[in-house]
Protein backbone atom coordinates (compact mmCIF):
# COMPACT_ATOMS: atom_id res chain seq x y z
CA MET A 1 3.53 -38.66 -3.16
CA ASP A 2 -0.21 -38.16 -3.59
CA MET A 3 -0.26 -35.16 -5.87
CA ASP A 4 -3.98 -34.61 -5.29
CA ARG A 5 -3.28 -33.64 -1.70
CA TYR A 6 -0.05 -31.78 -2.29
CA ASP A 7 -0.13 -28.41 -0.56
CA ILE A 8 0.65 -25.99 -3.37
CA ARG A 9 0.90 -23.22 -0.81
CA LYS A 10 4.11 -24.82 0.46
CA THR A 11 5.57 -24.71 -3.03
CA LEU A 12 4.85 -20.98 -3.27
CA ILE A 13 6.31 -20.29 0.19
CA LEU A 14 9.49 -22.22 -0.65
CA ASP A 15 9.85 -20.35 -3.95
CA TYR A 16 9.34 -16.94 -2.31
CA ARG A 17 11.73 -17.77 0.53
CA THR A 18 14.45 -19.00 -1.86
CA ARG A 19 14.17 -15.94 -4.10
CA GLY A 20 13.83 -13.49 -1.21
CA VAL A 21 10.44 -12.22 -2.36
CA LYS A 22 9.35 -9.49 0.06
CA MET A 23 5.67 -10.48 -0.14
CA LEU A 24 6.53 -13.40 2.13
CA GLU A 25 5.88 -12.29 5.69
CA GLU A 26 4.95 -13.88 9.02
CA ASP A 27 1.49 -13.95 10.55
CA GLU A 28 0.74 -13.22 14.19
CA ASP A 29 1.74 -16.79 15.16
CA GLY A 30 5.06 -16.63 13.30
CA ASN A 31 3.92 -18.81 10.38
CA PRO A 32 4.86 -18.00 6.75
CA TYR A 33 2.21 -15.77 5.25
CA VAL A 34 1.46 -14.12 1.91
CA TRP A 35 -1.31 -11.57 1.58
CA GLY A 36 -4.24 -13.30 -0.09
CA PHE A 37 -4.02 -16.62 1.76
CA GLU A 38 -6.90 -15.52 3.99
CA HIS A 39 -9.09 -15.03 0.90
CA LEU A 40 -8.13 -18.29 -0.83
CA ASP A 41 -8.14 -20.65 2.17
CA PRO A 42 -11.87 -20.60 3.01
CA PHE A 43 -12.72 -21.73 -0.54
CA PHE A 44 -9.76 -23.86 -1.67
CA LYS A 45 -8.13 -25.23 1.50
CA ASN A 46 -7.80 -29.05 1.48
CA ARG A 47 -9.25 -29.19 -2.03
CA PRO A 48 -7.22 -31.45 -4.39
CA ALA A 49 -5.29 -29.20 -6.75
CA ARG A 50 -6.23 -31.27 -9.81
CA THR A 51 -9.93 -30.55 -9.17
CA ILE A 52 -9.49 -26.78 -9.49
CA THR A 53 -11.12 -25.97 -12.84
CA THR A 54 -12.06 -22.79 -14.64
CA ASP A 55 -15.70 -23.34 -13.64
CA LEU A 56 -14.60 -23.57 -10.01
CA LEU A 57 -12.64 -20.33 -10.40
CA TYR A 58 -15.80 -18.62 -11.63
CA GLU A 59 -17.56 -19.87 -8.50
CA PHE A 60 -14.75 -18.44 -6.39
CA ILE A 61 -15.11 -15.07 -8.16
CA GLU A 62 -18.85 -15.02 -7.49
CA ARG A 63 -18.27 -15.86 -3.82
CA ARG A 64 -15.69 -13.10 -3.45
CA GLN A 65 -17.95 -10.58 -5.21
CA ILE A 66 -20.61 -11.27 -2.59
CA ASP A 67 -18.06 -10.31 0.09
CA GLY A 68 -17.66 -6.95 -1.65
CA PRO A 69 -13.95 -6.51 -2.58
CA LYS A 70 -12.91 -4.61 -5.68
CA ASN A 71 -12.11 -6.44 -8.90
CA ALA A 72 -8.44 -5.59 -8.45
CA THR A 73 -8.37 -7.44 -5.11
CA ILE A 74 -10.06 -10.51 -6.59
CA ASN A 75 -7.56 -10.48 -9.46
CA ARG A 76 -4.67 -10.43 -6.97
CA ASN A 77 -6.22 -13.49 -5.28
CA LEU A 78 -6.48 -15.28 -8.63
CA SER A 79 -2.92 -14.33 -9.58
CA LEU A 80 -1.62 -15.77 -6.32
CA LEU A 81 -3.40 -19.08 -6.89
CA ARG A 82 -2.26 -19.14 -10.52
CA ARG A 83 1.35 -18.70 -9.36
CA MET A 84 0.97 -21.64 -6.95
CA MET A 85 -0.36 -23.90 -9.68
CA SER A 86 2.24 -22.79 -12.23
CA LEU A 87 5.05 -23.63 -9.80
CA ALA A 88 3.52 -27.02 -9.01
CA ARG A 89 3.18 -27.77 -12.72
CA ARG A 90 6.75 -26.62 -13.46
CA GLU A 91 8.06 -28.96 -10.78
CA GLY A 92 6.02 -31.92 -12.06
CA LYS A 93 3.65 -31.99 -9.11
CA LEU A 94 0.65 -31.06 -11.23
CA VAL A 95 -0.15 -32.23 -14.75
CA GLN A 96 -1.98 -29.11 -15.91
CA ALA A 97 -3.42 -25.83 -14.70
CA PRO A 98 -6.78 -24.32 -15.72
CA TYR A 99 -7.47 -21.09 -17.56
CA PHE A 100 -7.78 -18.23 -15.06
CA PRO A 101 -10.53 -15.68 -15.87
CA MET A 102 -9.61 -12.16 -14.78
CA LEU A 103 -11.89 -9.22 -14.07
CA LYS A 104 -11.72 -5.74 -15.52
CA GLU A 105 -10.33 -3.42 -12.88
CA ASP A 106 -9.91 0.21 -12.06
CA ASN A 107 -6.20 0.81 -11.36
CA VAL A 108 -6.73 4.14 -9.61
CA CYS A 109 -5.84 3.93 -5.91
CA LYS A 110 -8.24 6.04 -3.87
CA GLY A 111 -7.73 5.20 -0.22
CA PHE A 112 -5.88 7.65 2.01
CA LEU A 113 -6.16 9.24 5.45
CA THR A 114 -6.25 12.96 6.15
CA PRO A 115 -4.26 14.06 9.23
CA SER A 116 -7.42 14.45 11.33
CA GLN A 117 -8.68 11.01 10.30
CA PHE A 118 -5.31 9.47 11.11
CA ILE A 119 -5.24 10.97 14.62
CA LYS A 120 -8.70 9.57 15.38
CA LEU A 121 -7.79 6.17 13.93
CA ARG A 122 -4.55 5.97 15.89
CA GLU A 123 -6.35 6.80 19.13
CA ALA A 124 -8.92 4.07 18.41
CA MET A 125 -6.22 1.41 18.04
CA PRO A 126 -4.49 -0.49 20.88
CA GLU A 127 -1.54 1.39 22.32
CA HIS A 128 1.05 -1.20 21.24
CA LEU A 129 0.13 -0.62 17.56
CA ARG A 130 0.33 3.18 17.56
CA THR A 131 4.09 3.26 17.01
CA LEU A 132 3.75 1.13 13.88
CA VAL A 133 0.87 3.07 12.28
CA THR A 134 2.60 6.39 13.00
CA PHE A 135 5.73 5.17 11.25
CA LEU A 136 3.70 3.96 8.25
CA TYR A 137 1.77 7.23 7.99
CA PHE A 138 4.88 9.41 8.08
CA THR A 139 7.04 7.35 5.72
CA GLY A 140 4.82 5.40 3.32
CA CYS A 141 6.88 2.32 4.17
CA ARG A 142 5.51 -1.12 3.27
CA VAL A 143 3.94 -2.95 6.21
CA GLY A 144 6.13 -5.99 5.62
CA ALA A 145 9.30 -3.91 5.60
CA ALA A 146 8.27 -2.09 8.79
CA LEU A 147 7.62 -5.35 10.63
CA ALA A 148 11.10 -6.60 9.76
CA ILE A 149 12.87 -3.61 11.40
CA THR A 150 14.87 -4.44 14.53
CA TRP A 151 16.45 -2.26 17.23
CA SER A 152 19.88 -3.10 15.81
CA GLN A 153 18.95 -0.82 12.89
CA ILE A 154 18.28 2.19 15.11
CA GLU A 155 21.05 4.76 15.54
CA SER A 156 21.03 7.90 17.68
CA GLU A 157 22.60 11.24 16.82
CA LYS A 158 22.18 14.34 19.01
CA GLY A 159 19.17 12.81 20.73
CA ARG A 160 17.39 12.01 17.46
CA PHE A 161 16.76 8.42 16.42
CA GLN A 162 17.64 7.42 12.87
CA LEU A 163 16.58 4.25 11.11
CA ARG A 164 19.01 2.35 8.93
CA ILE A 165 16.91 0.48 6.38
CA ASP A 166 18.98 -2.19 4.67
CA GLY A 167 18.75 -2.75 0.92
CA ASN A 168 17.11 -6.15 1.33
CA GLN A 169 14.23 -4.49 3.20
CA THR A 170 13.27 -2.06 0.44
CA LYS A 171 11.69 -2.77 -2.92
CA ASN A 172 14.27 -0.66 -4.74
CA GLU A 173 17.06 -2.43 -2.80
CA GLU A 174 18.69 0.87 -1.83
CA PRO A 175 19.74 1.27 1.83
CA ILE A 176 18.79 4.55 3.52
CA LEU A 177 19.40 6.29 6.86
CA LEU A 178 16.09 7.91 7.79
CA PRO A 179 15.64 10.41 10.67
CA LEU A 180 12.49 9.38 12.51
CA PRO A 181 9.61 11.83 13.16
CA ILE A 182 9.67 13.62 16.51
CA GLU A 183 6.42 11.90 17.55
CA LEU A 184 8.06 8.51 17.08
CA ASN A 185 11.30 9.69 18.64
CA GLU A 186 9.56 10.41 21.96
CA VAL A 187 7.67 7.11 21.95
CA LEU A 188 10.75 5.02 21.16
CA LYS A 189 12.62 6.49 24.14
CA GLU A 190 10.21 4.64 26.43
CA LEU A 191 10.46 1.23 24.71
CA PRO A 192 12.83 -1.64 25.57
CA ARG A 193 15.67 -1.58 23.04
CA LYS A 194 15.79 -5.20 21.92
CA GLY A 195 14.26 -7.40 19.25
CA LYS A 196 11.74 -6.04 16.76
CA LEU A 197 11.14 -2.30 16.74
CA VAL A 198 7.35 -2.53 16.61
CA ASP A 199 4.74 -4.84 18.09
CA ALA A 200 2.25 -5.98 15.46
CA ARG A 201 0.05 -8.34 17.47
CA ASN A 202 -3.50 -8.51 16.07
CA LEU A 203 -2.67 -5.73 13.62
CA ARG A 204 -5.22 -6.50 10.92
CA LYS A 205 -8.04 -7.34 13.33
CA SER A 206 -7.45 -4.25 15.47
CA PHE A 207 -7.08 -1.98 12.44
CA GLN A 208 -10.33 -3.15 10.90
CA ALA A 209 -12.18 -2.86 14.22
CA ALA A 210 -10.98 0.75 14.59
CA CYS A 211 -12.03 1.55 11.02
CA VAL A 212 -15.50 0.13 11.58
CA LYS A 213 -15.82 2.13 14.80
CA LEU A 214 -14.94 5.37 12.98
CA GLY A 215 -17.05 4.67 9.89
CA LEU A 216 -14.00 4.07 7.67
CA GLY A 217 -14.99 0.47 6.98
CA VAL A 218 -17.77 -2.08 7.40
CA GLU A 219 -17.84 -5.75 8.36
CA THR A 220 -19.45 -7.93 5.68
CA GLY A 221 -19.33 -11.14 7.72
CA PRO A 222 -17.99 -12.77 10.89
CA HIS A 223 -14.48 -13.48 9.56
CA VAL A 224 -11.55 -11.03 9.56
CA TRP A 225 -11.33 -11.18 5.76
CA GLN A 226 -15.02 -10.25 5.43
CA TYR A 227 -14.43 -6.52 5.56
CA LYS A 228 -14.74 -3.61 3.15
CA GLY A 229 -13.22 -0.18 3.62
CA LEU A 230 -9.88 1.43 4.43
CA LEU A 231 -6.93 -0.96 4.05
CA LEU A 232 -3.63 -1.27 5.87
CA HIS A 233 -2.00 -0.56 2.52
CA ASP A 234 -3.69 2.84 2.55
CA PHE A 235 -1.11 3.93 5.13
CA ARG A 236 1.43 3.58 2.31
CA ARG A 237 -0.68 5.68 -0.03
CA SER A 238 -1.19 8.26 2.71
CA GLY A 239 2.54 8.36 3.48
CA VAL A 240 3.44 9.04 -0.15
CA ARG A 241 0.75 11.71 -0.35
CA ASN A 242 2.08 13.35 2.83
CA LEU A 243 5.66 13.39 1.52
CA ILE A 244 4.71 15.06 -1.76
CA ARG A 245 2.36 17.60 -0.18
CA SER A 246 5.00 18.48 2.38
CA GLY A 247 7.25 19.62 -0.46
CA VAL A 248 9.67 16.66 -0.34
CA PRO A 249 11.31 16.22 -3.78
CA ARG A 250 9.97 13.19 -5.64
CA ARG A 251 13.39 11.55 -5.84
CA ILE A 252 13.78 11.71 -2.05
CA ALA A 253 10.16 10.69 -1.43
CA MET A 254 10.63 7.60 -3.61
CA LYS A 255 13.76 6.70 -1.68
CA ILE A 256 11.94 6.97 1.67
CA SER A 257 8.86 5.01 0.58
CA GLY A 258 10.96 2.45 -1.28
CA HIS A 259 9.23 2.76 -4.66
CA LEU A 260 11.27 1.47 -7.56
CA THR A 261 9.60 3.19 -10.52
CA GLU A 262 8.07 6.60 -11.16
CA SER A 263 4.88 5.06 -12.59
CA THR A 264 4.22 2.97 -9.46
CA PHE A 265 5.00 5.91 -7.20
CA GLU A 266 2.56 8.12 -9.11
CA ARG A 267 -0.28 5.65 -8.50
CA TYR A 268 0.23 6.20 -4.78
CA ASN A 269 0.32 10.00 -5.12
CA ILE A 270 -3.44 10.33 -4.73
CA VAL A 271 -5.29 13.50 -5.61
CA GLY A 272 -8.13 14.30 -3.22
CA SER A 273 -11.02 16.72 -3.61
CA THR A 274 -9.22 19.26 -1.40
CA ASP A 275 -6.22 19.14 -3.74
CA LEU A 276 -8.51 19.87 -6.70
CA HIS A 277 -10.11 22.83 -4.90
CA GLU A 278 -6.66 24.20 -4.05
CA ALA A 279 -5.56 23.76 -7.65
CA MET A 280 -8.61 25.62 -8.94
CA ALA A 281 -8.04 28.39 -6.38
CA LYS A 282 -4.54 28.85 -7.78
CA VAL A 283 -5.95 29.11 -11.31
CA GLU A 284 -8.52 31.65 -10.14
CA LYS A 285 -5.78 33.66 -8.44
CA TYR A 286 -3.81 33.60 -11.69
CA PHE A 287 -6.84 34.98 -13.52
CA ASP A 288 -7.57 37.36 -10.64
CA GLY A 289 -11.12 36.06 -10.63
CA ASN A 290 -11.90 37.67 -13.99
CA LEU A 291 -11.08 35.65 -17.08
CA MET A 292 -12.41 38.35 -19.44
CA ALA A 293 -10.11 40.96 -17.92
CA VAL A 294 -7.09 38.68 -18.36
CA GLU A 295 -8.03 38.08 -21.99
CA ALA A 296 -8.38 41.83 -22.59
CA ASN A 297 -4.99 42.49 -20.96
CA GLN A 298 -3.38 39.77 -23.08
CA GLN A 299 -4.90 41.25 -26.27
CA GLN A 300 -3.69 44.71 -25.30
CA SER A 301 -0.18 43.38 -24.67
CA SER A 302 -0.25 41.61 -28.02
CA GLN A 303 -1.30 44.80 -29.82
CA GLN A 304 1.49 46.72 -28.10
CA VAL A 305 4.02 44.18 -29.29
CA LEU A 306 2.65 44.30 -32.82
CA SER A 307 2.65 48.09 -32.79
CA TYR A 308 6.22 48.21 -31.55
CA GLN A 309 7.39 45.66 -34.11
CA SER A 310 5.56 47.51 -36.91
CA LYS A 311 7.47 50.76 -36.28
CA PRO A 312 10.07 51.51 -38.92
CA ARG A 313 13.66 51.18 -37.76
């Protein structure tokens, strides 16, 4: 076998498929797909793996920075390529792998949709995609997990649809039976009950076009990956935020969204400027708008306690 032309992407796909890694999805044509391929392919596709050097990786970083993604996104691209090369080297298909430079990143997730923004975005998207984005916005479910749901997982009780999510479809591997939102319930009644629950044709392209139309994103070039703005993954962040702000207990919210750890879940629980204003309003209400008066009342209470305690028994 000519190792110079070995497709290291195939090695990654085989590894992910064998281990059941949930990052492995299908693209619109039914081909195996992992997020990040669309960023790596334009630069590395058909390039002999042995010619990928650290200097070339720096060139890739510079090219990606021109496109405008955040450092965290570029690092995920590099990590994906590094995994491909590590697997190829482990299996003897590559002699060595280069050093991978990584960028400093801000781990704070900031993207989310307010209810009014979501309504406008949903209306701007093709009708066949509205069921999917509504489900994502209400539940915080991963896109990949949502696309894998079939009608065989839908149960009906007293006219209300419930979704049975199997353990192999959630990151925490815990099965759940989830009552679906009323909005979805009405839509699903009109759909043919066979095959996949949602239609995801042209999802990424349609989503980005709607975001650009509403000013939630901008195109940075002619290709679908040349885009900067709201991400599909922000539906997940929005869903988590909605669950928490609706008063759903964290334990239940984590079960619905499929988050495995508290620390990961917390990164999705985004605090917006409105939340901060509401928090400050609560503090002001506690102080009754007059911090000096509260301090005087507290001092008076303290003196009363001291006076009482100082009385002889």
